[in-house]
N, C-alpha and C. Protein backbone atom coordinates (compact mmCIF):
# COMPACT_ATOMS: atom_id res chain seq x y z
N MET A 1 -0.79 -1.89 -21.79
CA MET A 1 0.13 -1.23 -20.92
C MET A 1 0.77 -2.29 -20.03
N SER A 2 2.03 -2.09 -19.73
CA SER A 2 2.75 -3.07 -18.92
C SER A 2 2.23 -3.09 -17.50
N GLN A 3 2.31 -4.24 -16.88
CA GLN A 3 1.87 -4.40 -15.50
C GLN A 3 2.64 -3.47 -14.56
N GLU A 4 3.90 -3.20 -14.89
CA GLU A 4 4.75 -2.35 -14.05
C GLU A 4 4.22 -0.92 -13.96
N ARG A 5 3.54 -0.46 -14.98
CA ARG A 5 3.07 0.94 -15.00
C ARG A 5 1.63 1.11 -14.52
N LEU A 6 0.94 0.03 -14.24
CA LEU A 6 -0.48 0.12 -13.89
C LEU A 6 -0.75 1.02 -12.70
N ASP A 7 0.00 0.87 -11.63
CA ASP A 7 -0.23 1.69 -10.43
C ASP A 7 0.04 3.16 -10.71
N GLU A 8 1.12 3.45 -11.40
CA GLU A 8 1.47 4.84 -11.75
C GLU A 8 0.39 5.48 -12.62
N VAL A 9 0.00 4.79 -13.66
CA VAL A 9 -0.99 5.32 -14.60
C VAL A 9 -2.35 5.44 -13.93
N GLY A 10 -2.74 4.43 -13.17
CA GLY A 10 -4.02 4.48 -12.46
C GLY A 10 -4.08 5.65 -11.49
N ALA A 11 -2.99 5.89 -10.78
CA ALA A 11 -2.95 7.01 -9.84
C ALA A 11 -3.07 8.34 -10.57
N LYS A 12 -2.44 8.47 -11.72
CA LYS A 12 -2.53 9.72 -12.49
C LYS A 12 -3.96 9.93 -12.98
N PHE A 13 -4.58 8.88 -13.54
CA PHE A 13 -5.96 9.00 -13.99
C PHE A 13 -6.85 9.43 -12.82
N ALA A 14 -6.72 8.74 -11.69
CA ALA A 14 -7.59 8.98 -10.54
C ALA A 14 -7.37 10.35 -9.92
N SER A 15 -6.26 11.00 -10.22
CA SER A 15 -5.99 12.33 -9.65
C SER A 15 -6.81 13.43 -10.30
N TYR A 16 -7.43 13.15 -11.43
CA TYR A 16 -8.23 14.16 -12.12
C TYR A 16 -9.63 14.24 -11.53
N PRO A 17 -10.14 15.45 -11.28
CA PRO A 17 -11.48 15.57 -10.71
C PRO A 17 -12.58 15.07 -11.64
N GLN A 18 -12.31 15.00 -12.93
CA GLN A 18 -13.31 14.51 -13.89
C GLN A 18 -13.44 12.99 -13.86
N VAL A 19 -12.52 12.30 -13.20
CA VAL A 19 -12.53 10.84 -13.15
C VAL A 19 -13.22 10.39 -11.87
N SER A 20 -14.31 9.63 -12.02
CA SER A 20 -15.03 9.14 -10.85
C SER A 20 -14.70 7.69 -10.53
N HIS A 21 -14.24 6.94 -11.51
CA HIS A 21 -13.88 5.53 -11.32
C HIS A 21 -12.61 5.26 -12.11
N CYS A 22 -11.72 4.49 -11.53
CA CYS A 22 -10.51 4.10 -12.24
C CYS A 22 -10.06 2.76 -11.67
N TYR A 23 -9.98 1.76 -12.53
CA TYR A 23 -9.56 0.46 -12.03
C TYR A 23 -8.95 -0.40 -13.12
N ARG A 24 -8.28 -1.43 -12.66
CA ARG A 24 -7.61 -2.41 -13.52
C ARG A 24 -8.64 -3.40 -14.04
N ARG A 25 -8.52 -3.76 -15.32
CA ARG A 25 -9.43 -4.71 -15.94
C ARG A 25 -8.62 -5.81 -16.61
N PRO A 26 -9.19 -6.99 -16.75
CA PRO A 26 -8.47 -8.04 -17.49
C PRO A 26 -8.48 -7.72 -18.98
N THR A 27 -7.47 -8.18 -19.68
CA THR A 27 -7.41 -8.02 -21.13
C THR A 27 -7.92 -9.29 -21.80
N PHE A 28 -8.30 -9.14 -23.07
CA PHE A 28 -8.78 -10.27 -23.87
C PHE A 28 -8.17 -10.14 -25.26
N ASP A 29 -8.27 -11.18 -26.05
CA ASP A 29 -7.70 -11.15 -27.40
C ASP A 29 -8.24 -9.97 -28.21
N ASP A 30 -9.51 -9.66 -28.05
CA ASP A 30 -10.11 -8.58 -28.82
C ASP A 30 -10.26 -7.28 -28.01
N TRP A 31 -9.71 -7.23 -26.79
CA TRP A 31 -9.76 -6.02 -25.97
C TRP A 31 -8.48 -5.95 -25.13
N PRO A 32 -7.46 -5.25 -25.64
CA PRO A 32 -6.14 -5.25 -24.99
C PRO A 32 -5.97 -4.23 -23.86
N TYR A 33 -7.00 -3.48 -23.53
CA TYR A 33 -6.86 -2.38 -22.57
C TYR A 33 -7.09 -2.86 -21.15
N ASN A 34 -6.14 -2.56 -20.26
CA ASN A 34 -6.24 -3.07 -18.89
C ASN A 34 -6.47 -2.00 -17.83
N VAL A 35 -6.72 -0.76 -18.24
CA VAL A 35 -7.09 0.30 -17.31
C VAL A 35 -8.41 0.91 -17.79
N PHE A 36 -9.34 1.07 -16.85
CA PHE A 36 -10.63 1.68 -17.15
C PHE A 36 -10.77 2.92 -16.29
N ALA A 37 -11.16 4.02 -16.89
CA ALA A 37 -11.44 5.24 -16.14
C ALA A 37 -12.74 5.84 -16.65
N MET A 38 -13.63 6.21 -15.74
CA MET A 38 -14.87 6.87 -16.13
C MET A 38 -14.66 8.37 -15.99
N ILE A 39 -14.81 9.07 -17.10
CA ILE A 39 -14.59 10.51 -17.13
C ILE A 39 -15.93 11.21 -17.36
N HIS A 40 -16.20 12.24 -16.58
CA HIS A 40 -17.43 13.00 -16.70
C HIS A 40 -17.11 14.37 -17.27
N ALA A 41 -17.91 14.80 -18.24
CA ALA A 41 -17.71 16.11 -18.87
C ALA A 41 -19.05 16.61 -19.39
N MET A 42 -19.12 17.91 -19.63
CA MET A 42 -20.36 18.52 -20.11
C MET A 42 -20.56 18.32 -21.62
N SER A 43 -19.50 17.94 -22.32
CA SER A 43 -19.63 17.70 -23.76
C SER A 43 -18.62 16.65 -24.19
N ARG A 44 -18.86 16.10 -25.36
CA ARG A 44 -17.94 15.11 -25.92
C ARG A 44 -16.57 15.73 -26.15
N ASP A 45 -16.53 16.98 -26.63
CA ASP A 45 -15.26 17.66 -26.86
C ASP A 45 -14.45 17.81 -25.58
N LYS A 46 -15.13 18.19 -24.49
CA LYS A 46 -14.43 18.35 -23.21
C LYS A 46 -13.95 17.01 -22.68
N CYS A 47 -14.73 15.98 -22.87
CA CYS A 47 -14.32 14.65 -22.46
C CYS A 47 -13.07 14.22 -23.23
N GLU A 48 -13.10 14.39 -24.53
CA GLU A 48 -11.96 14.00 -25.35
C GLU A 48 -10.72 14.83 -25.04
N ALA A 49 -10.90 16.10 -24.68
CA ALA A 49 -9.76 16.93 -24.30
C ALA A 49 -9.13 16.39 -23.01
N THR A 50 -9.95 15.97 -22.07
CA THR A 50 -9.43 15.40 -20.83
C THR A 50 -8.70 14.10 -21.11
N VAL A 51 -9.27 13.26 -21.95
CA VAL A 51 -8.63 11.99 -22.31
C VAL A 51 -7.27 12.25 -22.95
N ARG A 52 -7.21 13.19 -23.89
CA ARG A 52 -5.93 13.50 -24.55
C ARG A 52 -4.90 14.02 -23.56
N LYS A 53 -5.34 14.86 -22.63
CA LYS A 53 -4.42 15.43 -21.64
C LYS A 53 -3.84 14.34 -20.74
N ILE A 54 -4.70 13.48 -20.24
CA ILE A 54 -4.23 12.39 -19.37
C ILE A 54 -3.30 11.46 -20.16
N ALA A 55 -3.72 11.08 -21.36
CA ALA A 55 -2.91 10.17 -22.18
C ALA A 55 -1.52 10.75 -22.45
N ALA A 56 -1.46 12.03 -22.75
CA ALA A 56 -0.17 12.67 -23.01
C ALA A 56 0.70 12.67 -21.76
N GLU A 57 0.10 12.94 -20.61
CA GLU A 57 0.86 12.97 -19.35
C GLU A 57 1.48 11.63 -19.00
N VAL A 58 0.77 10.55 -19.28
CA VAL A 58 1.29 9.23 -18.92
C VAL A 58 1.96 8.52 -20.09
N GLY A 59 1.95 9.14 -21.27
CA GLY A 59 2.63 8.56 -22.42
C GLY A 59 1.89 7.42 -23.08
N ILE A 60 0.58 7.52 -23.14
CA ILE A 60 -0.24 6.49 -23.79
C ILE A 60 -0.74 7.05 -25.12
N ASP A 61 -0.57 6.27 -26.19
CA ASP A 61 -1.12 6.70 -27.47
C ASP A 61 -2.08 5.67 -28.07
N ASP A 62 -2.26 4.56 -27.37
CA ASP A 62 -3.20 3.53 -27.82
C ASP A 62 -4.28 3.38 -26.74
N TYR A 63 -5.45 3.93 -27.03
CA TYR A 63 -6.56 3.84 -26.09
C TYR A 63 -7.86 3.88 -26.86
N ALA A 64 -8.93 3.52 -26.17
CA ALA A 64 -10.27 3.56 -26.76
C ALA A 64 -11.17 4.34 -25.83
N VAL A 65 -12.05 5.14 -26.41
CA VAL A 65 -13.01 5.91 -25.63
C VAL A 65 -14.39 5.33 -25.92
N LEU A 66 -15.09 4.96 -24.87
CA LEU A 66 -16.45 4.44 -24.99
C LEU A 66 -17.39 5.45 -24.36
N TYR A 67 -18.54 5.65 -24.94
CA TYR A 67 -19.51 6.63 -24.43
C TYR A 67 -20.77 5.93 -23.96
N SER A 68 -21.33 6.43 -22.87
CA SER A 68 -22.60 5.92 -22.37
C SER A 68 -23.71 6.40 -23.29
N HIS A 69 -24.68 5.54 -23.51
CA HIS A 69 -25.85 5.93 -24.31
C HIS A 69 -27.05 6.21 -23.43
N THR A 70 -27.07 5.60 -22.25
CA THR A 70 -28.19 5.75 -21.34
C THR A 70 -27.65 6.08 -19.96
N GLU A 71 -28.25 7.05 -19.30
CA GLU A 71 -27.89 7.34 -17.92
C GLU A 71 -29.01 6.84 -17.04
N TYR A 72 -28.66 5.95 -16.14
CA TYR A 72 -29.65 5.38 -15.24
C TYR A 72 -29.72 6.20 -13.97
N LYS A 73 -30.93 6.37 -13.47
CA LYS A 73 -31.12 7.13 -12.24
C LYS A 73 -30.49 6.37 -11.08
N LYS A 74 -29.69 7.08 -10.33
CA LYS A 74 -29.04 6.47 -9.18
C LYS A 74 -29.92 6.68 -7.96
N GLU A 75 -30.06 5.64 -7.16
CA GLU A 75 -30.86 5.73 -5.95
C GLU A 75 -30.05 5.22 -4.78
N ARG A 76 -30.30 5.82 -3.62
CA ARG A 76 -29.65 5.34 -2.42
C ARG A 76 -30.15 3.96 -2.07
N VAL A 77 -29.26 3.18 -1.50
CA VAL A 77 -29.66 1.87 -1.00
C VAL A 77 -30.50 2.07 0.25
N LYS A 78 -31.62 1.37 0.32
CA LYS A 78 -32.49 1.46 1.49
C LYS A 78 -32.25 0.22 2.35
N TYR A 79 -31.53 0.41 3.45
CA TYR A 79 -31.22 -0.71 4.32
C TYR A 79 -32.39 -1.08 5.21
N PHE A 80 -33.10 -0.07 5.70
CA PHE A 80 -34.25 -0.31 6.57
C PHE A 80 -35.44 0.48 6.00
N ALA A 81 -36.38 -0.24 5.49
CA ALA A 81 -37.53 0.42 4.90
C ALA A 81 -38.77 0.14 5.76
N LYS A 82 -39.60 1.16 5.93
CA LYS A 82 -40.85 0.96 6.67
C LYS A 82 -41.80 0.15 5.78
N VAL A 83 -42.44 -0.80 6.37
CA VAL A 83 -43.35 -1.66 5.62
C VAL A 83 -44.76 -1.20 5.80
């Protein structure tokens, strides 16, 4: 995607409630994608439907979808812990 469209496309991705993270990434010879968005859904089908909807809205037809295989437990940072 062109650098000129990054802010527009990123803002559109980030406007969806299913998107928790959206940011610009560097491209590489074997990875040409420069926008990353983390989409949360209850099923793979729902995730892919959201991806298709966003892609159609911003006019993107070349994208890759990566899926998490492991969900790690999130914990709050403990700034002051009793010893």
